Amino acid sequence: MSTTQPWGRTAAGTPLRVRDQAREAAALIAFSAATASAIALGLLLLTYLGSQG
């Protein structure tokens, strides 16, 4: 069981607002999309370079 607390919140603190949760979700979606795109482009590049030689 982890005893670490999320950043900027304590046990007695107020819960995150919906807009804060939406901002975090949007950031996660953008990060995931960018990571998946970078991996896909990297694999495409490796495939292209592999077929050249």
Protein backbone atom coordinates (compact mmCIF):
# COMPACT_ATOMS: atom_id res chain seq x y z
CA MET A 1 0.00 0.00 0.00
CA SER A 2 1.44 3.34 -1.02
CA THR A 3 1.56 6.19 1.46
CA THR A 4 2.51 8.90 -1.02
CA GLN A 5 0.15 11.80 -1.55
CA PRO A 6 -0.67 13.35 -4.94
CA TRP A 7 1.11 16.62 -5.71
CA GLY A 8 -0.38 19.67 -4.08
CA ARG A 9 -3.06 17.81 -2.15
CA THR A 10 -3.33 16.66 1.42
CA ALA A 11 -5.78 14.33 3.13
CA ALA A 12 -7.71 17.36 4.41
CA GLY A 13 -7.49 19.25 1.11
CA THR A 14 -10.35 19.92 -1.23
CA PRO A 15 -10.97 17.46 -4.07
CA LEU A 16 -10.00 18.41 -7.62
CA ARG A 17 -12.55 20.40 -9.55
CA VAL A 18 -14.09 18.97 -12.68
CA ARG A 19 -12.22 21.45 -14.87
CA ASP A 20 -8.93 20.42 -13.25
CA GLN A 21 -9.73 16.78 -13.92
CA ALA A 22 -10.68 17.65 -17.51
CA ARG A 23 -7.39 19.54 -17.97
CA GLU A 24 -5.43 16.56 -16.66
CA ALA A 25 -7.38 14.19 -18.92
CA ALA A 26 -6.75 16.41 -21.96
CA ALA A 27 -3.03 16.55 -21.16
CA LEU A 28 -2.93 12.77 -20.86
CA ILE A 29 -4.75 12.37 -24.18
CA ALA A 30 -2.37 14.79 -25.90
CA PHE A 31 0.68 13.04 -24.44
CA SER A 32 -0.63 9.63 -25.45
CA ALA A 33 -1.40 10.80 -28.99
CA ALA A 34 2.03 12.40 -29.38
CA THR A 35 3.79 9.31 -28.04
CA ALA A 36 1.83 6.93 -30.27
CA SER A 37 2.46 9.13 -33.31
CA ALA A 38 6.20 9.32 -32.60
CA ILE A 39 6.44 5.55 -32.21
CA ALA A 40 4.44 4.98 -35.41
CA LEU A 41 6.63 7.40 -37.37
CA GLY A 42 9.76 5.78 -35.96
CA LEU A 43 8.60 2.33 -37.01
CA LEU A 44 7.64 3.63 -40.43
CA LEU A 45 11.08 5.16 -40.83
CA LEU A 46 12.78 1.95 -39.72
CA THR A 47 10.68 -0.04 -42.18
CA TYR A 48 11.52 2.33 -45.01
CA LEU A 49 15.24 2.31 -44.21
CA GLY A 50 15.20 -1.48 -43.86
CA SER A 51 13.72 -1.94 -47.32
CA GLN A 52 16.39 0.32 -48.88
CA GLY A 53 19.37 -1.88 -48.04
